[in-house]
Amino acid sequence: MRLTWKDALATVAAGVNVAVYVAFTQGADTPIIGDVRGATGTILLLGLVGGCMLSAAPETYERKGPYMVVASTLGGIALLAGVTGLITAAELALAVLFYATMALWLMATVRHALAPAKTEALK
């Protein structure tokens, strides 16, 4: 497989996530990302767009294996942390969401960059 426009768009979303998280941790006084719930909602939304909506088709990857176990676990942790952060406004939940999202983006990008190109059978 090779990197595609979807990977580029996911990388932009990841970059915006970094900017949002850094701005929040530096105490930015902005209407949306100035509080925990706003930053959590922004990162959660960007994570859903950058990860879920731009992911590869299910038939592209094998459904079992260590990569899928780790990715699914991280995705579940990110979702749980995001919902927890929205409900409780806990900074720890925001941090867990951010780092899990970044780990998922990094894993997917490296996998796409290193996976062999799919070859079609000659007919």
PDB file of N, CA and C in Angstrom:
ATOM      1  N   MET A   1       0.854  -1.172   0.000  1.00  0.00           N
ATOM      2  CA  MET A   1       0.000   0.000   0.000  1.00  0.00           C
ATOM      3  C   MET A   1       0.896   1.230   0.000  1.00  0.00           C
ATOM      4  N   ARG A   2       0.385   2.305  -0.408  1.00  0.00           N
ATOM      5  CA  ARG A   2       1.143   3.542  -0.388  1.00  0.00           C
ATOM      6  C   ARG A   2       0.301   4.618   0.282  1.00  0.00           C
ATOM      7  N   LEU A   3       0.969   5.705   0.622  1.00  0.00           N
ATOM      8  CA  LEU A   3       0.245   6.815   1.231  1.00  0.00           C
ATOM      9  C   LEU A   3      -0.655   7.464   0.179  1.00  0.00           C
ATOM     10  N   THR A   4      -1.844   7.852   0.594  1.00  0.00           N
ATOM     11  CA  THR A   4      -2.826   8.426  -0.320  1.00  0.00           C
ATOM     12  C   THR A   4      -3.253   9.799   0.174  1.00  0.00           C
ATOM     13  N   TRP A   5      -4.191  10.397  -0.557  1.00  0.00           N
ATOM     14  CA  TRP A   5      -4.733  11.686  -0.149  1.00  0.00           C
ATOM     15  C   TRP A   5      -5.449  11.565   1.196  1.00  0.00           C
ATOM     16  N   LYS A   6      -5.979  10.390   1.498  1.00  0.00           N
ATOM     17  CA  LYS A   6      -6.636  10.198   2.782  1.00  0.00           C
ATOM     18  C   LYS A   6      -5.626  10.290   3.924  1.00  0.00           C
ATOM     19  N   ASP A   7      -4.423   9.740   3.696  1.00  0.00           N
ATOM     20  CA  ASP A   7      -3.369   9.844   4.706  1.00  0.00           C
ATOM     21  C   ASP A   7      -2.954  11.302   4.896  1.00  0.00           C
ATOM     22  N   ALA A   8      -2.884  12.044   3.816  1.00  0.00           N
ATOM     23  CA  ALA A   8      -2.529  13.461   3.905  1.00  0.00           C
ATOM     24  C   ALA A   8      -3.585  14.231   4.693  1.00  0.00           C
ATOM     25  N   LEU A   9      -4.843  13.956   4.425  1.00  0.00           N
ATOM     26  CA  LEU A   9      -5.926  14.631   5.140  1.00  0.00           C
ATOM     27  C   LEU A   9      -5.944  14.228   6.616  1.00  0.00           C
ATOM     28  N   ALA A  10      -5.682  12.957   6.894  1.00  0.00           N
ATOM     29  CA  ALA A  10      -5.606  12.493   8.285  1.00  0.00           C
ATOM     30  C   ALA A  10      -4.436  13.158   9.005  1.00  0.00           C
ATOM     31  N   THR A  11      -3.348  13.403   8.287  1.00  0.00           N
ATOM     32  CA  THR A  11      -2.195  14.076   8.870  1.00  0.00           C
ATOM     33  C   THR A  11      -2.527  15.536   9.188  1.00  0.00           C
ATOM     34  N   VAL A  12      -3.288  16.182   8.338  1.00  0.00           N
ATOM     35  CA  VAL A  12      -3.739  17.548   8.625  1.00  0.00           C
ATOM     36  C   VAL A  12      -4.609  17.547   9.886  1.00  0.00           C
ATOM     37  N   ALA A  13      -5.520  16.592   9.983  1.00  0.00           N
ATOM     38  CA  ALA A  13      -6.375  16.495  11.173  1.00  0.00           C
ATOM     39  C   ALA A  13      -5.521  16.251  12.418  1.00  0.00           C
ATOM     40  N   ALA A  14      -4.502  15.400  12.307  1.00  0.00           N
ATOM     41  CA  ALA A  14      -3.613  15.141  13.437  1.00  0.00           C
ATOM     42  C   ALA A  14      -2.844  16.402  13.816  1.00  0.00           C
ATOM     43  N   GLY A  15      -2.410  17.170  12.827  1.00  0.00           N
ATOM     44  CA  GLY A  15      -1.717  18.425  13.105  1.00  0.00           C
ATOM     45  C   GLY A  15      -2.602  19.427  13.822  1.00  0.00           C
ATOM     46  N   VAL A  16      -3.859  19.488  13.415  1.00  0.00           N
ATOM     47  CA  VAL A  16      -4.802  20.382  14.097  1.00  0.00           C
ATOM     48  C   VAL A  16      -5.031  19.893  15.527  1.00  0.00           C
ATOM     49  N   ASN A  17      -5.094  18.576  15.718  1.00  0.00           N
ATOM     50  CA  ASN A  17      -5.215  18.026  17.078  1.00  0.00           C
ATOM     51  C   ASN A  17      -4.048  18.478  17.945  1.00  0.00           C
ATOM     52  N   VAL A  18      -2.844  18.416  17.400  1.00  0.00           N
ATOM     53  CA  VAL A  18      -1.663  18.853  18.149  1.00  0.00           C
ATOM     54  C   VAL A  18      -1.786  20.334  18.493  1.00  0.00           C
ATOM     55  N   ALA A  19      -2.178  21.140  17.525  1.00  0.00           N
ATOM     56  CA  ALA A  19      -2.326  22.578  17.769  1.00  0.00           C
ATOM     57  C   ALA A  19      -3.374  22.851  18.851  1.00  0.00           C
ATOM     58  N   VAL A  20      -4.487  22.140  18.807  1.00  0.00           N
ATOM     59  CA  VAL A  20      -5.544  22.322  19.808  1.00  0.00           C
ATOM     60  C   VAL A  20      -5.038  21.931  21.193  1.00  0.00           C
ATOM     61  N   TYR A  21      -4.381  20.782  21.279  1.00  0.00           N
ATOM     62  CA  TYR A  21      -3.905  20.307  22.583  1.00  0.00           C
ATOM     63  C   TYR A  21      -2.828  21.227  23.152  1.00  0.00           C
ATOM     64  N   VAL A  22      -1.905  21.652  22.312  1.00  0.00           N
ATOM     65  CA  VAL A  22      -0.856  22.567  22.775  1.00  0.00           C
ATOM     66  C   VAL A  22      -1.470  23.895  23.210  1.00  0.00           C
ATOM     67  N   ALA A  23      -2.390  24.415  22.430  1.00  0.00           N
ATOM     68  CA  ALA A  23      -3.044  25.671  22.798  1.00  0.00           C
ATOM     69  C   ALA A  23      -3.758  25.529  24.136  1.00  0.00           C
ATOM     70  N   PHE A  24      -4.443  24.400  24.341  1.00  0.00           N
ATOM     71  CA  PHE A  24      -5.138  24.183  25.610  1.00  0.00           C
ATOM     72  C   PHE A  24      -4.145  24.109  26.768  1.00  0.00           C
ATOM     73  N   THR A  25      -3.087  23.320  26.598  1.00  0.00           N
ATOM     74  CA  THR A  25      -2.130  23.158  27.699  1.00  0.00           C
ATOM     75  C   THR A  25      -1.370  24.443  28.002  1.00  0.00           C
ATOM     76  N   GLN A  26      -1.270  25.343  27.026  1.00  0.00           N
ATOM     77  CA  GLN A  26      -0.595  26.623  27.248  1.00  0.00           C
ATOM     78  C   GLN A  26      -1.550  27.688  27.780  1.00  0.00           C
ATOM     79  N   GLY A  27      -2.815  27.315  27.970  1.00  0.00           N
ATOM     80  CA  GLY A  27      -3.782  28.228  28.558  1.00  0.00           C
ATOM     81  C   GLY A  27      -4.372  29.229  27.584  1.00  0.00           C
ATOM     82  N   ALA A  28      -4.534  28.825  26.343  1.00  0.00           N
ATOM     83  CA  ALA A  28      -5.110  29.725  25.339  1.00  0.00           C
ATOM     84  C   ALA A  28      -6.502  30.174  25.780  1.00  0.00           C
ATOM     85  N   ASP A  29      -6.762  31.436  25.619  1.00  0.00           N
ATOM     86  CA  ASP A  29      -8.055  31.991  26.009  1.00  0.00           C
ATOM     87  C   ASP A  29      -8.900  32.163  24.744  1.00  0.00           C
ATOM     88  N   THR A  30      -9.351  31.036  24.212  1.00  0.00           N
ATOM     89  CA  THR A  30     -10.168  31.042  22.999  1.00  0.00           C
ATOM     90  C   THR A  30     -11.539  30.480  23.322  1.00  0.00           C
ATOM     91  N   PRO A  31     -12.554  30.852  22.560  1.00  0.00           N
ATOM     92  CA  PRO A  31     -13.916  30.435  22.889  1.00  0.00           C
ATOM     93  C   PRO A  31     -14.128  28.915  22.921  1.00  0.00           C
ATOM     94  N   ILE A  32     -13.532  28.171  22.015  1.00  0.00           N
ATOM     95  CA  ILE A  32     -13.835  26.742  21.953  1.00  0.00           C
ATOM     96  C   ILE A  32     -12.805  25.905  22.699  1.00  0.00           C
ATOM     97  N   ILE A  33     -11.536  26.116  22.432  1.00  0.00           N
ATOM     98  CA  ILE A  33     -10.517  25.234  23.010  1.00  0.00           C
ATOM     99  C   ILE A  33      -9.935  25.765  24.310  1.00  0.00           C
ATOM    100  N   GLY A  34     -10.537  26.771  24.882  1.00  0.00           N
ATOM    101  CA  GLY A  34     -10.054  27.329  26.134  1.00  0.00           C
ATOM    102  C   GLY A  34     -10.440  26.515  27.358  1.00  0.00           C
ATOM    103  N   ASP A  35     -11.390  25.614  27.225  1.00  0.00           N
ATOM    104  CA  ASP A  35     -11.756  24.763  28.357  1.00  0.00           C
ATOM    105  C   ASP A  35     -11.647  23.289  27.959  1.00  0.00           C
ATOM    106  N   VAL A  36     -11.702  22.427  28.956  1.00  0.00           N
ATOM    107  CA  VAL A  36     -11.486  20.993  28.736  1.00  0.00           C
ATOM    108  C   VAL A  36     -12.541  20.406  27.800  1.00  0.00           C
ATOM    109  N   ARG A  37     -13.798  20.731  28.019  1.00  0.00           N
ATOM    110  CA  ARG A  37     -14.858  20.153  27.183  1.00  0.00           C
ATOM    111  C   ARG A  37     -14.725  20.581  25.723  1.00  0.00           C
ATOM    112  N   GLY A  38     -14.401  21.826  25.489  1.00  0.00           N
ATOM    113  CA  GLY A  38     -14.242  22.298  24.120  1.00  0.00           C
ATOM    114  C   GLY A  38     -13.067  21.631  23.415  1.00  0.00           C
ATOM    115  N   ALA A  39     -11.942  21.547  24.112  1.00  0.00           N
ATOM    116  CA  ALA A  39     -10.767  20.894  23.529  1.00  0.00           C
ATOM    117  C   ALA A  39     -11.036  19.403  23.313  1.00  0.00           C
ATOM    118  N   THR A  40     -11.699  18.771  24.265  1.00  0.00           N
ATOM    119  CA  THR A  40     -12.037  17.353  24.123  1.00  0.00           C
ATOM    120  C   THR A  40     -12.957  17.132  22.936  1.00  0.00           C
ATOM    121  N   GLY A  41     -13.996  17.937  22.827  1.00  0.00           N
ATOM    122  CA  GLY A  41     -14.929  17.799  21.705  1.00  0.00           C
ATOM    123  C   GLY A  41     -14.249  18.018  20.369  1.00  0.00           C
ATOM    124  N   THR A  42     -13.352  18.994  20.303  1.00  0.00           N
ATOM    125  CA  THR A  42     -12.639  19.269  19.056  1.00  0.00           C
ATOM    126  C   THR A  42     -11.743  18.103  18.667  1.00  0.00           C
ATOM    127  N   ILE A  43     -10.960  17.595  19.617  1.00  0.00           N
ATOM    128  CA  ILE A  43     -10.057  16.482  19.325  1.00  0.00           C
ATOM    129  C   ILE A  43     -10.850  15.221  19.010  1.00  0.00           C
ATOM    130  N   LEU A  44     -11.939  14.996  19.718  1.00  0.00           N
ATOM    131  CA  LEU A  44     -12.768  13.827  19.437  1.00  0.00           C
ATOM    132  C   LEU A  44     -13.359  13.897  18.036  1.00  0.00           C
ATOM    133  N   LEU A  45     -13.872  15.039  17.662  1.00  0.00           N
ATOM    134  CA  LEU A  45     -14.445  15.215  16.321  1.00  0.00           C
ATOM    135  C   LEU A  45     -13.378  15.056  15.240  1.00  0.00           C
ATOM    136  N   LEU A  46     -12.230  15.683  15.423  1.00  0.00           N
ATOM    137  CA  LEU A  46     -11.152  15.552  14.443  1.00  0.00           C
ATOM    138  C   LEU A  46     -10.621  14.115  14.386  1.00  0.00           C
ATOM    139  N   GLY A  47     -10.600  13.439  15.506  1.00  0.00           N
ATOM    140  CA  GLY A  47     -10.180  12.038  15.525  1.00  0.00           C
ATOM    141  C   GLY A  47     -11.148  11.155  14.767  1.00  0.00           C
ATOM    142  N   LEU A  48     -12.428  11.437  14.914  1.00  0.00           N
ATOM    143  CA  LEU A  48     -13.426  10.666  14.169  1.00  0.00           C
ATOM    144  C   LEU A  48     -13.292  10.913  12.673  1.00  0.00           C
ATOM    145  N   VAL A  49     -13.075  12.161  12.286  1.00  0.00           N
ATOM    146  CA  VAL A  49     -12.910  12.479  10.863  1.00  0.00           C
ATOM    147  C   VAL A  49     -11.608  11.903  10.333  1.00  0.00           C
ATOM    148  N   GLY A  50     -10.514  12.163  11.052  1.00  0.00           N
ATOM    149  CA  GLY A  50      -9.202  11.734  10.586  1.00  0.00           C
ATOM    150  C   GLY A  50      -8.974  10.243  10.663  1.00  0.00           C
ATOM    151  N   GLY A  51      -9.638   9.572  11.571  1.00  0.00           N
ATOM    152  CA  GLY A  51      -9.409   8.145  11.732  1.00  0.00           C
ATOM    153  C   GLY A  51     -10.510   7.285  11.163  1.00  0.00           C
ATOM    154  N   CYS A  52     -11.707   7.511  11.612  1.00  0.00           N
ATOM    155  CA  CYS A  52     -12.813   6.629  11.223  1.00  0.00           C
ATOM    156  C   CYS A  52     -13.305   6.885   9.801  1.00  0.00           C
ATOM    157  N   MET A  53     -13.555   8.123   9.465  1.00  0.00           N
ATOM    158  CA  MET A  53     -14.146   8.410   8.165  1.00  0.00           C
ATOM    159  C   MET A  53     -13.147   8.247   7.020  1.00  0.00           C
ATOM    160  N   LEU A  54     -11.866   8.386   7.315  1.00  0.00           N
ATOM    161  CA  LEU A  54     -10.855   8.281   6.264  1.00  0.00           C
ATOM    162  C   LEU A  54     -10.127   6.942   6.297  1.00  0.00           C
ATOM    163  N   SER A  55     -10.612   5.996   7.074  1.00  0.00           N
ATOM    164  CA  SER A  55      -9.925   4.709   7.179  1.00  0.00           C
ATOM    165  C   SER A  55     -10.092   3.891   5.907  1.00  0.00           C
ATOM    166  N   ALA A  56      -9.241   2.895   5.787  1.00  0.00           N
ATOM    167  CA  ALA A  56      -9.302   2.020   4.619  1.00  0.00           C
ATOM    168  C   ALA A  56     -10.537   1.133   4.696  1.00  0.00           C
ATOM    169  N   ALA A  57     -10.940   0.645   3.567  1.00  0.00           N
ATOM    170  CA  ALA A  57     -12.090  -0.259   3.518  1.00  0.00           C
ATOM    171  C   ALA A  57     -11.788  -1.517   4.332  1.00  0.00           C
ATOM    172  N   PRO A  58     -12.791  -2.087   4.991  1.00  0.00           N
ATOM    173  CA  PRO A  58     -12.560  -3.258   5.845  1.00  0.00           C
ATOM    174  C   PRO A  58     -11.918  -4.434   5.119  1.00  0.00           C
ATOM    175  N   GLU A  59     -12.216  -4.611   3.848  1.00  0.00           N
ATOM    176  CA  GLU A  59     -11.647  -5.749   3.139  1.00  0.00           C
ATOM    177  C   GLU A  59     -10.168  -5.550   2.795  1.00  0.00           C
ATOM    178  N   THR A  60      -9.638  -4.346   3.035  1.00  0.00           N
ATOM    179  CA  THR A  60      -8.242  -4.073   2.725  1.00  0.00           C
ATOM    180  C   THR A  60      -7.305  -4.786   3.688  1.00  0.00           C
ATOM    181  N   TYR A  61      -7.693  -4.929   4.932  1.00  0.00           N
ATOM    182  CA  TYR A  61      -6.835  -5.522   5.947  1.00  0.00           C
ATOM    183  C   TYR A  61      -7.429  -6.822   6.459  1.00  0.00           C
ATOM    184  N   GLU A  62      -6.545  -7.669   6.947  1.00  0.00           N
ATOM    185  CA  GLU A  62      -7.047  -8.854   7.614  1.00  0.00           C
ATOM    186  C   GLU A  62      -7.713  -8.425   8.915  1.00  0.00           C
ATOM    187  N   ARG A  63      -8.730  -9.131   9.292  1.00  0.00           N
ATOM    188  CA  ARG A  63      -9.553  -8.705  10.423  1.00  0.00           C
ATOM    189  C   ARG A  63      -8.974  -9.085  11.777  1.00  0.00           C
ATOM    190  N   LYS A  64      -7.990  -9.973  11.804  1.00  0.00           N
ATOM    191  CA  LYS A  64      -7.399 -10.392  13.067  1.00  0.00           C
ATOM    192  C   LYS A  64      -5.911 -10.103  13.021  1.00  0.00           C
ATOM    193  N   GLY A  65      -5.292 -10.174  14.131  1.00  0.00           N
ATOM    194  CA  GLY A  65      -3.864  -9.952  14.196  1.00  0.00           C
ATOM    195  C   GLY A  65      -3.520  -8.886  15.217  1.00  0.00           C
ATOM    196  N   PRO A  66      -2.250  -8.786  15.547  1.00  0.00           N
ATOM    197  CA  PRO A  66      -1.844  -7.858  16.606  1.00  0.00           C
ATOM    198  C   PRO A  66      -2.127  -6.397  16.272  1.00  0.00           C
ATOM    199  N   TYR A  67      -1.973  -6.015  15.014  1.00  0.00           N
ATOM    200  CA  TYR A  67      -2.240  -4.620  14.648  1.00  0.00           C
ATOM    201  C   TYR A  67      -3.695  -4.267  14.936  1.00  0.00           C
ATOM    202  N   MET A  68      -4.610  -5.112  14.511  1.00  0.00           N
ATOM    203  CA  MET A  68      -6.031  -4.821  14.709  1.00  0.00           C
ATOM    204  C   MET A  68      -6.410  -4.844  16.191  1.00  0.00           C
ATOM    205  N   VAL A  69      -5.776  -5.718  16.967  1.00  0.00           N
ATOM    206  CA  VAL A  69      -6.054  -5.767  18.408  1.00  0.00           C
ATOM    207  C   VAL A  69      -5.613  -4.461  19.064  1.00  0.00           C
ATOM    208  N   VAL A  70      -4.395  -4.027  18.744  1.00  0.00           N
ATOM    209  CA  VAL A  70      -3.882  -2.789  19.335  1.00  0.00           C
ATOM    210  C   VAL A  70      -4.693  -1.592  18.860  1.00  0.00           C
ATOM    211  N   ALA A  71      -4.967  -1.522  17.557  1.00  0.00           N
ATOM    212  CA  ALA A  71      -5.722  -0.397  17.016  1.00  0.00           C
ATOM    213  C   ALA A  71      -7.137  -0.345  17.595  1.00  0.00           C
ATOM    214  N   SER A  72      -7.789  -1.473  17.693  1.00  0.00           N
ATOM    215  CA  SER A  72      -9.144  -1.508  18.257  1.00  0.00           C
ATOM    216  C   SER A  72      -9.140  -1.113  19.735  1.00  0.00           C
ATOM    217  N   THR A  73      -8.146  -1.584  20.470  1.00  0.00           N
ATOM    218  CA  THR A  73      -8.044  -1.237  21.886  1.00  0.00           C
ATOM    219  C   THR A  73      -7.802   0.259  22.058  1.00  0.00           C
ATOM    220  N   LEU A  74      -6.867   0.803  21.271  1.00  0.00           N
ATOM    221  CA  LEU A  74      -6.605   2.239  21.342  1.00  0.00           C
ATOM    222  C   LEU A  74      -7.831   3.054  20.932  1.00  0.00           C
ATOM    223  N   GLY A  75      -8.537   2.600  19.923  1.00  0.00           N
ATOM    224  CA  GLY A  75      -9.747   3.294  19.501  1.00  0.00           C
ATOM    225  C   GLY A  75     -10.804   3.300  20.590  1.00  0.00           C
ATOM    226  N   GLY A  76     -10.967   2.173  21.251  1.00  0.00           N
ATOM    227  CA  GLY A  76     -11.916   2.100  22.370  1.00  0.00           C
ATOM    228  C   GLY A  76     -11.509   2.994  23.526  1.00  0.00           C
ATOM    229  N   ILE A  77     -10.220   3.009  23.830  1.00  0.00           N
ATOM    230  CA  ILE A  77      -9.712   3.876  24.898  1.00  0.00           C
ATOM    231  C   ILE A  77      -9.949   5.340  24.538  1.00  0.00           C
ATOM    232  N   ALA A  78      -9.667   5.702  23.290  1.00  0.00           N
ATOM    233  CA  ALA A  78      -9.859   7.088  22.854  1.00  0.00           C
ATOM    234  C   ALA A  78     -11.326   7.495  22.959  1.00  0.00           C
ATOM    235  N   LEU A  79     -12.211   6.638  22.503  1.00  0.00           N
ATOM    236  CA  LEU A  79     -13.637   6.954  22.576  1.00  0.00           C
ATOM    237  C   LEU A  79     -14.104   7.090  24.019  1.00  0.00           C
ATOM    238  N   LEU A  80     -13.707   6.160  24.863  1.00  0.00           N
ATOM    239  CA  LEU A  80     -14.084   6.216  26.275  1.00  0.00           C
ATOM    240  C   LEU A  80     -13.532   7.475  26.943  1.00  0.00           C
ATOM    241  N   ALA A  81     -12.270   7.807  26.643  1.00  0.00           N
ATOM    242  CA  ALA A  81     -11.671   9.013  27.216  1.00  0.00           C
ATOM    243  C   ALA A  81     -12.384  10.264  26.710  1.00  0.00           C
ATOM    244  N   GLY A  82     -12.752  10.275  25.433  1.00  0.00           N
ATOM    245  CA  GLY A  82     -13.458  11.426  24.885  1.00  0.00           C
ATOM    246  C   GLY A  82     -14.807  11.647  25.535  1.00  0.00           C
ATOM    247  N   VAL A  83     -15.563  10.591  25.671  1.00  0.00           N
ATOM    248  CA  VAL A  83     -16.881  10.699  26.311  1.00  0.00           C
ATOM    249  C   VAL A  83     -16.716  11.104  27.777  1.00  0.00           C
ATOM    250  N   THR A  84     -15.741  10.507  28.451  1.00  0.00           N
ATOM    251  CA  THR A  84     -15.483  10.855  29.850  1.00  0.00           C
ATOM    252  C   THR A  84     -15.085  12.322  29.974  1.00  0.00           C
ATOM    253  N   GLY A  85     -14.235  12.792  29.062  1.00  0.00           N
ATOM    254  CA  GLY A  85     -13.809  14.188  29.094  1.00  0.00           C
ATOM    255  C   GLY A  85     -14.951  15.149  28.854  1.00  0.00           C
ATOM    256  N   LEU A  86     -15.860  14.773  27.960  1.00  0.00           N
ATOM    257  CA  LEU A  86     -17.024  15.633  27.704  1.00  0.00           C
ATOM    258  C   LEU A  86     -17.956  15.695  28.907  1.00  0.00           C
ATOM    259  N   ILE A  87     -18.111  14.577  29.593  1.00  0.00           N
ATOM    260  CA  ILE A  87     -19.031  14.530  30.731  1.00  0.00           C
ATOM    261  C   ILE A  87     -18.426  15.175  31.980  1.00  0.00           C
ATOM    262  N   THR A  88     -17.167  14.823  32.265  1.00  0.00           N
ATOM    263  CA  THR A  88     -16.574  15.247  33.538  1.00  0.00           C
ATOM    264  C   THR A  88     -15.636  16.443  33.437  1.00  0.00           C
ATOM    265  N   ALA A  89     -15.253  16.827  32.239  1.00  0.00           N
ATOM    266  CA  ALA A  89     -14.284  17.910  32.021  1.00  0.00           C
ATOM    267  C   ALA A  89     -12.949  17.613  32.702  1.00  0.00           C
ATOM    268  N   ALA A  90     -12.543  16.349  32.669  1.00  0.00           N
ATOM    269  CA  ALA A  90     -11.291  15.933  33.292  1.00  0.00           C
ATOM    270  C   ALA A  90     -10.128  16.112  32.315  1.00  0.00           C
ATOM    271  N   GLU A  91      -9.089  16.812  32.766  1.00  0.00           N
ATOM    272  CA  GLU A  91      -7.921  17.028  31.920  1.00  0.00           C
ATOM    273  C   GLU A  91      -7.192  15.729  31.620  1.00  0.00           C
ATOM    274  N   LEU A  92      -7.233  14.780  32.540  1.00  0.00           N
ATOM    275  CA  LEU A  92      -6.598  13.479  32.296  1.00  0.00           C
ATOM    276  C   LEU A  92      -7.272  12.766  31.137  1.00  0.00           C
ATOM    277  N   ALA A  93      -8.584  12.828  31.070  1.00  0.00           N
ATOM    278  CA  ALA A  93      -9.317  12.201  29.965  1.00  0.00           C
ATOM    279  C   ALA A  93      -8.940  12.861  28.638  1.00  0.00           C
ATOM    280  N   LEU A  94      -8.776  14.179  28.644  1.00  0.00           N
ATOM    281  CA  LEU A  94      -8.346  14.885  27.438  1.00  0.00           C
ATOM    282  C   LEU A  94      -6.960  14.418  27.016  1.00  0.00           C
ATOM    283  N   ALA A  95      -6.054  14.280  27.965  1.00  0.00           N
ATOM    284  CA  ALA A  95      -4.697  13.825  27.648  1.00  0.00           C
ATOM    285  C   ALA A  95      -4.713  12.403  27.080  1.00  0.00           C
ATOM    286  N   VAL A  96      -5.495  11.520  27.679  1.00  0.00           N
ATOM    287  CA  VAL A  96      -5.593  10.138  27.185  1.00  0.00           C
ATOM    288  C   VAL A  96      -6.171  10.136  25.775  1.00  0.00           C
ATOM    289  N   LEU A  97      -7.208  10.910  25.547  1.00  0.00           N
ATOM    290  CA  LEU A  97      -7.794  11.016  24.210  1.00  0.00           C
ATOM    291  C   LEU A  97      -6.757  11.499  23.204  1.00  0.00           C
ATOM    292  N   PHE A  98      -6.037  12.557  23.538  1.00  0.00           N
ATOM    293  CA  PHE A  98      -5.050  13.120  22.619  1.00  0.00           C
ATOM    294  C   PHE A  98      -3.969  12.098  22.277  1.00  0.00           C
ATOM    295  N   TYR A  99      -3.369  11.487  23.280  1.00  0.00           N
ATOM    296  CA  TYR A  99      -2.261  10.562  23.014  1.00  0.00           C
ATOM    297  C   TYR A  99      -2.726   9.286  22.317  1.00  0.00           C
ATOM    298  N   ALA A 100      -3.905   8.800  22.648  1.00  0.00           N
ATOM    299  CA  ALA A 100      -4.429   7.620  21.946  1.00  0.00           C
ATOM    300  C   ALA A 100      -4.709   7.944  20.483  1.00  0.00           C
ATOM    301  N   THR A 101      -5.246   9.129  20.222  1.00  0.00           N
ATOM    302  CA  THR A 101      -5.517   9.549  18.849  1.00  0.00           C
ATOM    303  C   THR A 101      -4.220   9.686  18.056  1.00  0.00           C
ATOM    304  N   MET A 102      -3.209  10.271  18.660  1.00  0.00           N
ATOM    305  CA  MET A 102      -1.921  10.426  17.977  1.00  0.00           C
ATOM    306  C   MET A 102      -1.269   9.070  17.718  1.00  0.00           C
ATOM    307  N   ALA A 103      -1.400   8.154  18.669  1.00  0.00           N
ATOM    308  CA  ALA A 103      -0.844   6.810  18.477  1.00  0.00           C
ATOM    309  C   ALA A 103      -1.551   6.092  17.329  1.00  0.00           C
ATOM    310  N   LEU A 104      -2.861   6.218  17.262  1.00  0.00           N
ATOM    311  CA  LEU A 104      -3.611   5.596  16.164  1.00  0.00           C
ATOM    312  C   LEU A 104      -3.208   6.178  14.816  1.00  0.00           C
ATOM    313  N   TRP A 105      -3.075   7.496  14.746  1.00  0.00           N
ATOM    314  CA  TRP A 105      -2.660   8.134  13.499  1.00  0.00           C
ATOM    315  C   TRP A 105      -1.267   7.649  13.089  1.00  0.00           C
ATOM    316  N   LEU A 106      -0.339   7.611  14.038  1.00  0.00           N
ATOM    317  CA  LEU A 106       1.024   7.177  13.734  1.00  0.00           C
ATOM    318  C   LEU A 106       1.056   5.725  13.271  1.00  0.00           C
ATOM    319  N   MET A 107       0.340   4.856  13.964  1.00  0.00           N
ATOM    320  CA  MET A 107       0.299   3.438  13.573  1.00  0.00           C
ATOM    321  C   MET A 107      -0.240   3.271  12.158  1.00  0.00           C
ATOM    322  N   ALA A 108      -1.329   3.941  11.853  1.00  0.00           N
ATOM    323  CA  ALA A 108      -1.947   3.800  10.532  1.00  0.00           C
ATOM    324  C   ALA A 108      -1.043   4.355   9.438  1.00  0.00           C
ATOM    325  N   THR A 109      -0.434   5.502   9.692  1.00  0.00           N
ATOM    326  CA  THR A 109       0.427   6.114   8.680  1.00  0.00           C
ATOM    327  C   THR A 109       1.656   5.251   8.406  1.00  0.00           C
ATOM    328  N   VAL A 110       2.280   4.745   9.448  1.00  0.00           N
ATOM    329  CA  VAL A 110       3.448   3.881   9.262  1.00  0.00           C
ATOM    330  C   VAL A 110       3.042   2.600   8.551  1.00  0.00           C
ATOM    331  N   ARG A 111       1.925   2.038   8.926  1.00  0.00           N
ATOM    332  CA  ARG A 111       1.471   0.814   8.261  1.00  0.00           C
ATOM    333  C   ARG A 111       1.204   1.054   6.775  1.00  0.00           C
ATOM    334  N   HIS A 112       0.565   2.153   6.454  1.00  0.00           N
ATOM    335  CA  HIS A 112       0.285   2.458   5.050  1.00  0.00           C
ATOM    336  C   HIS A 112       1.573   2.712   4.275  1.00  0.00           C
ATOM    337  N   ALA A 113       2.537   3.367   4.910  1.00  0.00           N
ATOM    338  CA  ALA A 113       3.785   3.692   4.227  1.00  0.00           C
ATOM    339  C   ALA A 113       4.655   2.455   3.998  1.00  0.00           C
ATOM    340  N   LEU A 114       4.612   1.491   4.909  1.00  0.00           N
ATOM    341  CA  LEU A 114       5.508   0.335   4.831  1.00  0.00           C
ATOM    342  C   LEU A 114       4.891  -0.905   4.206  1.00  0.00           C
ATOM    343  N   ALA A 115       3.580  -0.951   4.110  1.00  0.00           N
ATOM    344  CA  ALA A 115       2.922  -2.135   3.558  1.00  0.00           C
ATOM    345  C   ALA A 115       3.239  -2.253   2.069  1.00  0.00           C
ATOM    346  N   PRO A 116       3.416  -3.470   1.584  1.00  0.00           N
ATOM    347  CA  PRO A 116       3.686  -3.639   0.150  1.00  0.00           C
ATOM    348  C   PRO A 116       2.470  -3.226  -0.681  1.00  0.00           C
ATOM    349  N   ALA A 117       2.748  -2.752  -1.873  1.00  0.00           N
ATOM    350  CA  ALA A 117       1.667  -2.342  -2.773  1.00  0.00           C
ATOM    351  C   ALA A 117       0.842  -3.549  -3.160  1.00  0.00           C
ATOM    352  N   LYS A 118      -0.450  -3.340  -3.261  1.00  0.00           N
ATOM    353  CA  LYS A 118      -1.355  -4.422  -3.640  1.00  0.00           C
ATOM    354  C   LYS A 118      -1.202  -4.665  -5.138  1.00  0.00           C
ATOM    355  N   THR A 119      -0.932  -5.900  -5.483  1.00  0.00           N
ATOM    356  CA  THR A 119      -0.781  -6.226  -6.905  1.00  0.00           C
ATOM    357  C   THR A 119      -2.012  -6.966  -7.374  1.00  0.00           C
ATOM    358  N   GLU A 120      -2.440  -6.654  -8.557  1.00  0.00           N
ATOM    359  CA  GLU A 120      -3.614  -7.306  -9.115  1.00  0.00           C
ATOM    360  C   GLU A 120      -3.173  -8.486  -9.969  1.00  0.00           C
ATOM    361  N   ALA A 121      -3.951  -9.528  -9.908  1.00  0.00           N
ATOM    362  CA  ALA A 121      -3.622 -10.723 -10.683  1.00  0.00           C
ATOM    363  C   ALA A 121      -3.838 -10.459 -12.168  1.00  0.00           C
ATOM    364  N   LEU A 122      -2.950 -11.002 -12.971  1.00  0.00           N
ATOM    365  CA  LEU A 122      -3.091 -10.870 -14.414  1.00  0.00           C
ATOM    366  C   LEU A 122      -4.163 -11.833 -14.902  1.00  0.00           C
ATOM    367  N   LYS A 123      -5.005 -11.368 -15.778  1.00  0.00           N
ATOM    368  CA  LYS A 123      -6.081 -12.236 -16.298  1.00  0.00           C
ATOM    369  C   LYS A 123      -5.863 -12.513 -17.750  1.00  0.00           C
TER     370      LYS A 123
END
